[in-house]
Each structure stands twice: as structure tokens, then as C-alpha cells.
Amino acid sequence: MFSYRLQEQDGRMIVYCEGDIDIDAGDLIEEQLEPALQEQQHVVLNLEQVHFVDSSGIGLLIGLVQGLKEQERIVSLEHVQPEVMEVFELLQLDEILGKDVFS
């Protein structure tokens, strides 16, 4: 089950994600998280507690990050677990989202 917690720190909104980012996380991300981030200039997605992302989750992340970047927001993904980063690398997400997103 996916959950998140928001914390403002040093002018950035940090989103601490926990659980699987999959089809079940879709409603929560689209209906609650995306609107909560609309006014933020710098968003950090902390994925330290995320150990699984499926194809639906990849689509959700791409939509979230690209949507924020289109609004000229700074977005970064931090503390990505090795098993999740392996999936991101296989799908070449750094090419899709931009290398600047991964820190």
C-alpha cells in the first residue's frame, strides 16, 4: 500500500513516499499528491521506502514529473533503492525525464 508524507525543508517540498508505486497508488497520487504539489517550486520525491514500481507506477511517476516540469518546477528523485533504479535504468527514465531529475 502506497502512502506519502510532505515536509517543507529549505524551500523545497519533500515527498516521502512509502510502499509500492503501482496501479493501486494511482488514485492517491492523481487526486491528492498532484494537487498538493501545484504551488511548489521545488519538489523532491524521496523514494527511500519504495521497493517496487510496476508499469502503472512508472506511468504515474512520468506523468507527475513531466507535469511539474512543464510548469517550470524543479523536480528531483532521491534515495532510489537499487532494485527500483534498475527498473528505471532499463526503461531509460533518465532519457525520458532528464538526467537532472536523478540525484
Protein backbone atom coordinates (compact mmCIF):
# COMPACT_ATOMS: atom_id res chain seq x y z
CA MET A 1 0.00 0.00 0.00
CA PHE A 2 1.34 3.40 -1.01
CA SER A 3 1.42 6.41 1.29
CA TYR A 4 3.28 9.70 1.39
CA ARG A 5 4.19 12.47 3.79
CA LEU A 6 5.00 16.07 2.85
CA GLN A 7 7.67 18.12 4.58
CA GLU A 8 8.83 21.59 3.64
CA GLN A 9 12.58 22.00 4.07
CA ASP A 10 14.99 24.65 2.80
CA GLY A 11 12.50 25.99 0.24
CA ARG A 12 11.80 22.51 -1.13
CA MET A 13 8.75 20.30 -0.69
CA ILE A 14 9.98 16.81 0.11
CA VAL A 15 7.57 13.97 -0.61
CA TYR A 16 8.49 10.95 1.48
CA CYS A 17 6.99 8.03 -0.41
CA GLU A 18 6.42 4.65 1.20
CA GLY A 19 5.18 1.37 -0.22
CA ASP A 20 4.66 0.17 -3.77
CA ILE A 21 4.06 2.60 -6.60
CA ASP A 22 1.63 0.59 -8.66
CA ILE A 23 -1.90 0.77 -10.05
CA ASP A 24 -3.32 0.93 -6.52
CA ALA A 25 -1.34 4.13 -5.85
CA GLY A 26 -2.87 5.88 -8.86
CA ASP A 27 -5.88 7.48 -7.22
CA LEU A 28 -3.87 8.74 -4.25
CA ILE A 29 -1.17 10.25 -6.48
CA GLU A 30 -3.53 11.79 -9.01
CA GLU A 31 -6.26 13.01 -6.63
CA GLN A 32 -4.22 14.09 -3.60
CA LEU A 33 -0.50 14.35 -4.24
CA GLU A 34 -0.54 16.14 -7.61
CA PRO A 35 -2.87 18.92 -6.39
CA ALA A 36 -0.82 19.31 -3.19
CA LEU A 37 2.31 20.00 -5.26
CA GLN A 38 0.87 22.51 -7.73
CA GLU A 39 2.14 25.59 -5.90
CA GLN A 40 5.58 24.19 -5.08
CA GLN A 41 8.60 25.49 -6.98
CA HIS A 42 10.99 22.68 -5.98
CA VAL A 43 9.70 19.15 -5.39
CA VAL A 44 11.84 16.26 -4.16
CA LEU A 45 10.47 12.72 -4.34
CA ASN A 46 12.25 10.68 -1.68
CA LEU A 47 11.90 7.04 -2.74
CA GLU A 48 13.93 5.51 0.08
CA GLN A 49 10.93 3.47 1.31
CA VAL A 50 9.78 2.38 -2.17
CA HIS A 51 10.94 -1.10 -3.12
CA PHE A 52 8.63 -1.85 -6.05
CA VAL A 53 7.38 0.13 -9.04
CA ASP A 54 5.34 -1.57 -11.77
CA SER A 55 4.47 -0.31 -15.24
CA SER A 56 1.47 1.64 -13.91
CA GLY A 57 3.70 3.24 -11.30
CA ILE A 58 6.25 4.20 -13.95
CA GLY A 59 3.45 5.91 -15.87
CA LEU A 60 2.32 7.73 -12.73
CA LEU A 61 5.85 8.94 -11.99
CA ILE A 62 6.41 10.07 -15.57
CA GLY A 63 3.10 11.94 -15.56
CA LEU A 64 3.81 13.59 -12.21
CA VAL A 65 7.39 14.64 -13.02
CA GLN A 66 6.66 15.80 -16.57
CA GLY A 67 3.57 17.69 -15.43
CA LEU A 68 5.56 19.59 -12.83
CA LYS A 69 8.45 20.24 -15.21
CA GLU A 70 6.05 21.61 -17.83
CA GLN A 71 5.02 24.16 -15.20
CA GLU A 72 8.71 25.05 -14.85
CA ARG A 73 9.06 23.42 -11.45
CA ILE A 74 12.31 21.84 -10.28
CA VAL A 75 11.79 18.12 -9.64
CA SER A 76 14.22 15.53 -8.36
CA LEU A 77 14.15 11.89 -7.30
CA GLU A 78 16.33 10.99 -4.33
CA HIS A 79 17.34 7.87 -2.44
CA VAL A 80 16.06 5.49 -5.11
CA GLN A 81 16.51 1.89 -3.99
CA PRO A 82 18.83 -0.24 -6.18
CA GLU A 83 16.05 -2.58 -7.30
CA VAL A 84 13.89 0.38 -8.36
CA MET A 85 16.82 2.16 -10.00
CA GLU A 86 17.49 -0.98 -12.03
CA VAL A 87 13.98 -0.75 -13.49
CA PHE A 88 14.41 2.99 -14.13
CA GLU A 89 17.69 2.32 -15.95
CA LEU A 90 16.19 -0.50 -18.04
CA LEU A 91 13.43 1.84 -19.15
CA GLN A 92 15.88 4.71 -19.64
CA LEU A 93 13.86 7.06 -17.45
CA ASP A 94 16.80 9.43 -17.26
CA GLU A 95 16.37 9.97 -21.01
CA ILE A 96 12.62 10.48 -20.65
CA LEU A 97 12.62 12.69 -17.55
CA GLY A 98 16.06 14.25 -17.89
CA LYS A 99 19.28 13.39 -16.13
CA ASP A 100 18.83 16.40 -13.84
CA VAL A 101 15.89 14.68 -12.13
CA PHE A 102 18.06 11.94 -10.63
CA SER A 103 20.27 12.96 -7.73
